[in-house]
Amino acid sequence: MLGITVYLVVRRLIRKNKVEDQPLMILKERYAKGEITDDEYQQKRKVLDRG
């Protein structure tokens, strides 16, 4: 029973982190593709870190 509870909690935490990290991943992809400048990347990163 304890094993199932631990599994479910860990699974939920991992899923939550994936959702929260998605905007940062998109930002990094846009930067890597050259769609945004260094300054734009830094500004947007600061905004995401605050949120």
C-alpha atoms as a PDB file:
ATOM      1  CA  MET A   1       0.000   0.000   0.000  1.00  0.00           C
ATOM      2  CA  LEU A   2       2.783   2.432   0.899  1.00  0.00           C
ATOM      3  CA  GLY A   3       4.565   1.625  -2.355  1.00  0.00           C
ATOM      4  CA  ILE A   4       1.487   2.556  -4.389  1.00  0.00           C
ATOM      5  CA  THR A   5       1.090   5.835  -2.512  1.00  0.00           C
ATOM      6  CA  VAL A   6       4.735   6.776  -3.065  1.00  0.00           C
ATOM      7  CA  TYR A   7       4.465   5.854  -6.747  1.00  0.00           C
ATOM      8  CA  LEU A   8       1.385   8.021  -7.257  1.00  0.00           C
ATOM      9  CA  VAL A   9       2.903  11.024  -5.460  1.00  0.00           C
ATOM     10  CA  VAL A  10       6.146  10.812  -7.439  1.00  0.00           C
ATOM     11  CA  ARG A  11       4.265  10.396 -10.702  1.00  0.00           C
ATOM     12  CA  ARG A  12       2.146  13.463  -9.972  1.00  0.00           C
ATOM     13  CA  LEU A  13       5.197  15.570  -9.089  1.00  0.00           C
ATOM     14  CA  ILE A  14       6.974  14.553 -12.281  1.00  0.00           C
ATOM     15  CA  ARG A  15       3.938  15.426 -14.381  1.00  0.00           C
ATOM     16  CA  LYS A  16       3.620  18.812 -12.651  1.00  0.00           C
ATOM     17  CA  ASN A  17       7.268  19.635 -13.345  1.00  0.00           C
ATOM     18  CA  LYS A  18       6.880  18.788 -17.018  1.00  0.00           C
ATOM     19  CA  VAL A  19       3.960  21.192 -17.339  1.00  0.00           C
ATOM     20  CA  GLU A  20       5.802  23.976 -15.526  1.00  0.00           C
ATOM     21  CA  ASP A  21       8.990  23.507 -17.576  1.00  0.00           C
ATOM     22  CA  GLN A  22       7.252  23.595 -20.951  1.00  0.00           C
ATOM     23  CA  PRO A  23       7.353  27.417 -21.363  1.00  0.00           C
ATOM     24  CA  LEU A  24      11.085  27.394 -20.586  1.00  0.00           C
ATOM     25  CA  MET A  25      11.674  24.616 -23.101  1.00  0.00           C
ATOM     26  CA  ILE A  26       9.828  26.585 -25.780  1.00  0.00           C
ATOM     27  CA  LEU A  27      11.886  29.675 -24.956  1.00  0.00           C
ATOM     28  CA  LYS A  28      15.125  27.709 -25.246  1.00  0.00           C
ATOM     29  CA  GLU A  29      14.033  26.245 -28.587  1.00  0.00           C
ATOM     30  CA  ARG A  30      13.183  29.690 -29.962  1.00  0.00           C
ATOM     31  CA  TYR A  31      16.564  30.992 -28.821  1.00  0.00           C
ATOM     32  CA  ALA A  32      18.397  28.028 -30.341  1.00  0.00           C
ATOM     33  CA  LYS A  33      16.598  28.538 -33.656  1.00  0.00           C
ATOM     34  CA  GLY A  34      17.623  32.195 -33.685  1.00  0.00           C
ATOM     35  CA  GLU A  35      14.037  33.435 -33.455  1.00  0.00           C
ATOM     36  CA  ILE A  36      14.873  35.706 -30.506  1.00  0.00           C
ATOM     37  CA  THR A  37      17.976  37.671 -29.532  1.00  0.00           C
ATOM     38  CA  ASP A  38      20.138  37.238 -26.448  1.00  0.00           C
ATOM     39  CA  ASP A  39      18.468  40.228 -24.815  1.00  0.00           C
ATOM     40  CA  GLU A  40      14.961  38.949 -25.565  1.00  0.00           C
ATOM     41  CA  TYR A  41      15.901  35.535 -24.187  1.00  0.00           C
ATOM     42  CA  GLN A  42      17.252  37.022 -20.943  1.00  0.00           C
ATOM     43  CA  GLN A  43      14.189  39.247 -20.459  1.00  0.00           C
ATOM     44  CA  LYS A  44      11.736  36.422 -21.074  1.00  0.00           C
ATOM     45  CA  ARG A  45      13.750  34.075 -18.848  1.00  0.00           C
ATOM     46  CA  LYS A  46      13.523  36.554 -15.983  1.00  0.00           C
ATOM     47  CA  VAL A  47       9.758  36.741 -16.412  1.00  0.00           C
ATOM     48  CA  LEU A  48       9.439  32.953 -16.350  1.00  0.00           C
ATOM     49  CA  ASP A  49      11.668  32.671 -13.279  1.00  0.00           C
ATOM     50  CA  ARG A  50       9.407  35.094 -11.402  1.00  0.00           C
ATOM     51  CA  GLY A  51       6.246  33.196 -12.266  1.00  0.00           C
END
